[in-house]
Amino acid sequence: MADEGHWFFCLKHMRVEKGPGCPDGIRMGPYDTEEEARNALVTAEVRNEEWDAQND
């Protein structure tokens, strides 16, 4: 399975998952490490701010 070995952040349960877990529509990833998955919301916020700044 493609999800095996990758990490994800589940938006429904607000937790990190490894491999198959909640449906892809409610989780972010895949990430190579648990730490990257744990920081998914912060990473998304930073990227959104950067994109918003480019559009100003």
N, C-alpha and C. Protein backbone atom coordinates (compact mmCIF):
# COMPACT_ATOMS: atom_id res chain seq x y z
N MET A 1 0.84 -1.18 0.00
CA MET A 1 0.00 0.00 0.00
C MET A 1 0.89 1.25 0.00
N ALA A 2 0.47 2.29 -0.71
CA ALA A 2 1.28 3.49 -0.86
C ALA A 2 1.47 4.26 0.45
N ASP A 3 0.53 4.13 1.37
CA ASP A 3 0.60 4.87 2.64
C ASP A 3 1.61 4.27 3.62
N GLU A 4 1.94 3.02 3.46
CA GLU A 4 2.83 2.37 4.42
C GLU A 4 4.19 3.05 4.42
N GLY A 5 4.71 3.28 5.62
CA GLY A 5 6.00 3.92 5.77
C GLY A 5 5.95 5.43 5.77
N HIS A 6 4.79 6.01 5.49
CA HIS A 6 4.65 7.46 5.51
C HIS A 6 3.84 7.90 6.72
N TRP A 7 4.01 9.14 7.07
CA TRP A 7 3.31 9.74 8.20
C TRP A 7 2.27 10.72 7.70
N PHE A 8 1.18 10.89 8.46
CA PHE A 8 0.09 11.78 8.12
C PHE A 8 -0.39 12.50 9.37
N PHE A 9 -1.10 13.61 9.17
CA PHE A 9 -1.75 14.30 10.28
C PHE A 9 -3.24 14.28 10.02
N CYS A 10 -4.00 13.62 10.91
CA CYS A 10 -5.46 13.51 10.78
C CYS A 10 -6.11 14.77 11.34
N LEU A 11 -6.88 15.44 10.49
CA LEU A 11 -7.56 16.67 10.91
C LEU A 11 -8.80 16.40 11.75
N LYS A 12 -9.38 15.23 11.62
CA LYS A 12 -10.56 14.87 12.41
C LYS A 12 -10.16 14.58 13.86
N HIS A 13 -9.11 13.80 14.03
CA HIS A 13 -8.69 13.37 15.36
C HIS A 13 -7.54 14.21 15.93
N MET A 14 -7.00 15.12 15.09
CA MET A 14 -5.90 16.00 15.49
C MET A 14 -4.73 15.20 16.06
N ARG A 15 -4.33 14.18 15.27
CA ARG A 15 -3.21 13.35 15.71
C ARG A 15 -2.42 12.85 14.51
N VAL A 16 -1.21 12.43 14.79
CA VAL A 16 -0.32 11.87 13.78
C VAL A 16 -0.66 10.39 13.59
N GLU A 17 -0.62 9.96 12.33
CA GLU A 17 -0.86 8.56 12.00
C GLU A 17 0.27 8.07 11.11
N LYS A 18 0.62 6.80 11.24
CA LYS A 18 1.61 6.20 10.36
C LYS A 18 0.91 5.15 9.50
N GLY A 19 1.17 5.23 8.20
CA GLY A 19 0.60 4.26 7.27
C GLY A 19 -0.89 4.47 7.08
N PRO A 20 -1.57 3.39 6.68
CA PRO A 20 -3.02 3.50 6.46
C PRO A 20 -3.73 3.95 7.73
N GLY A 21 -4.70 4.81 7.56
CA GLY A 21 -5.44 5.31 8.72
C GLY A 21 -6.73 5.92 8.24
N CYS A 22 -7.01 7.11 8.71
CA CYS A 22 -8.22 7.81 8.30
C CYS A 22 -8.17 8.11 6.80
N PRO A 23 -9.32 8.37 6.19
CA PRO A 23 -9.34 8.67 4.76
C PRO A 23 -8.49 9.88 4.40
N ASP A 24 -7.92 9.85 3.21
CA ASP A 24 -7.03 10.93 2.78
C ASP A 24 -7.70 12.30 2.79
N GLY A 25 -9.01 12.35 2.61
CA GLY A 25 -9.71 13.63 2.57
C GLY A 25 -9.71 14.38 3.88
N ILE A 26 -9.39 13.69 4.98
CA ILE A 26 -9.38 14.37 6.29
C ILE A 26 -8.01 14.35 6.95
N ARG A 27 -6.98 14.11 6.12
CA ARG A 27 -5.63 14.14 6.70
C ARG A 27 -4.66 14.78 5.75
N MET A 28 -3.58 15.27 6.31
CA MET A 28 -2.54 15.95 5.55
C MET A 28 -1.34 15.01 5.42
N GLY A 29 -0.68 15.08 4.29
CA GLY A 29 0.49 14.25 4.08
C GLY A 29 0.46 13.66 2.69
N PRO A 30 1.38 12.82 2.41
CA PRO A 30 2.28 12.10 3.31
C PRO A 30 3.52 12.91 3.67
N TYR A 31 4.08 12.58 4.81
CA TYR A 31 5.33 13.16 5.29
C TYR A 31 6.32 12.03 5.51
N ASP A 32 7.59 12.35 5.40
CA ASP A 32 8.63 11.34 5.57
C ASP A 32 8.90 11.00 7.03
N THR A 33 8.63 11.96 7.93
CA THR A 33 8.93 11.73 9.34
C THR A 33 7.72 12.06 10.22
N GLU A 34 7.74 11.50 11.41
CA GLU A 34 6.68 11.81 12.38
C GLU A 34 6.70 13.28 12.75
N GLU A 35 7.88 13.86 12.88
CA GLU A 35 7.99 15.27 13.25
C GLU A 35 7.37 16.18 12.18
N GLU A 36 7.62 15.87 10.91
CA GLU A 36 7.01 16.66 9.84
C GLU A 36 5.49 16.58 9.91
N ALA A 37 4.96 15.40 10.17
CA ALA A 37 3.51 15.24 10.28
C ALA A 37 2.97 16.00 11.49
N ARG A 38 3.70 15.95 12.60
CA ARG A 38 3.27 16.64 13.83
C ARG A 38 3.20 18.15 13.60
N ASN A 39 4.05 18.66 12.72
CA ASN A 39 4.10 20.10 12.44
C ASN A 39 3.29 20.50 11.22
N ALA A 40 2.43 19.63 10.73
CA ALA A 40 1.69 19.87 9.49
C ALA A 40 0.88 21.17 9.53
N LEU A 41 0.20 21.43 10.62
CA LEU A 41 -0.63 22.64 10.69
C LEU A 41 0.22 23.91 10.68
N VAL A 42 1.34 23.88 11.38
CA VAL A 42 2.23 25.04 11.39
C VAL A 42 2.83 25.26 10.01
N THR A 43 3.25 24.18 9.37
CA THR A 43 3.81 24.27 8.02
C THR A 43 2.79 24.86 7.06
N ALA A 44 1.55 24.41 7.14
CA ALA A 44 0.49 24.93 6.27
C ALA A 44 0.24 26.42 6.54
N GLU A 45 0.24 26.81 7.81
CA GLU A 45 0.02 28.22 8.15
C GLU A 45 1.12 29.10 7.59
N VAL A 46 2.36 28.67 7.73
CA VAL A 46 3.50 29.44 7.21
C VAL A 46 3.40 29.56 5.70
N ARG A 47 3.10 28.47 5.02
CA ARG A 47 2.97 28.51 3.56
C ARG A 47 1.84 29.42 3.13
N ASN A 48 0.71 29.36 3.82
CA ASN A 48 -0.41 30.24 3.48
C ASN A 48 -0.03 31.70 3.64
N GLU A 49 0.69 32.03 4.71
CA GLU A 49 1.13 33.41 4.92
C GLU A 49 2.08 33.85 3.82
N GLU A 50 2.97 32.96 3.40
CA GLU A 50 3.90 33.28 2.32
C GLU A 50 3.16 33.52 1.01
N TRP A 51 2.17 32.67 0.71
CA TRP A 51 1.38 32.83 -0.51
C TRP A 51 0.55 34.11 -0.47
N ASP A 52 -0.02 34.43 0.70
CA ASP A 52 -0.78 35.66 0.84
C ASP A 52 0.10 36.87 0.62
N ALA A 53 1.32 36.84 1.12
CA ALA A 53 2.25 37.96 0.96
C ALA A 53 2.63 38.15 -0.50
N GLN A 54 2.71 37.07 -1.24
CA GLN A 54 3.04 37.16 -2.67
C GLN A 54 1.91 37.78 -3.46
N ASN A 55 0.68 37.63 -2.97
CA ASN A 55 -0.48 38.16 -3.69
C ASN A 55 -0.84 39.59 -3.31
N ASP A 56 -0.12 40.18 -2.36
CA ASP A 56 -0.39 41.57 -1.95
C ASP A 56 0.19 42.57 -2.91
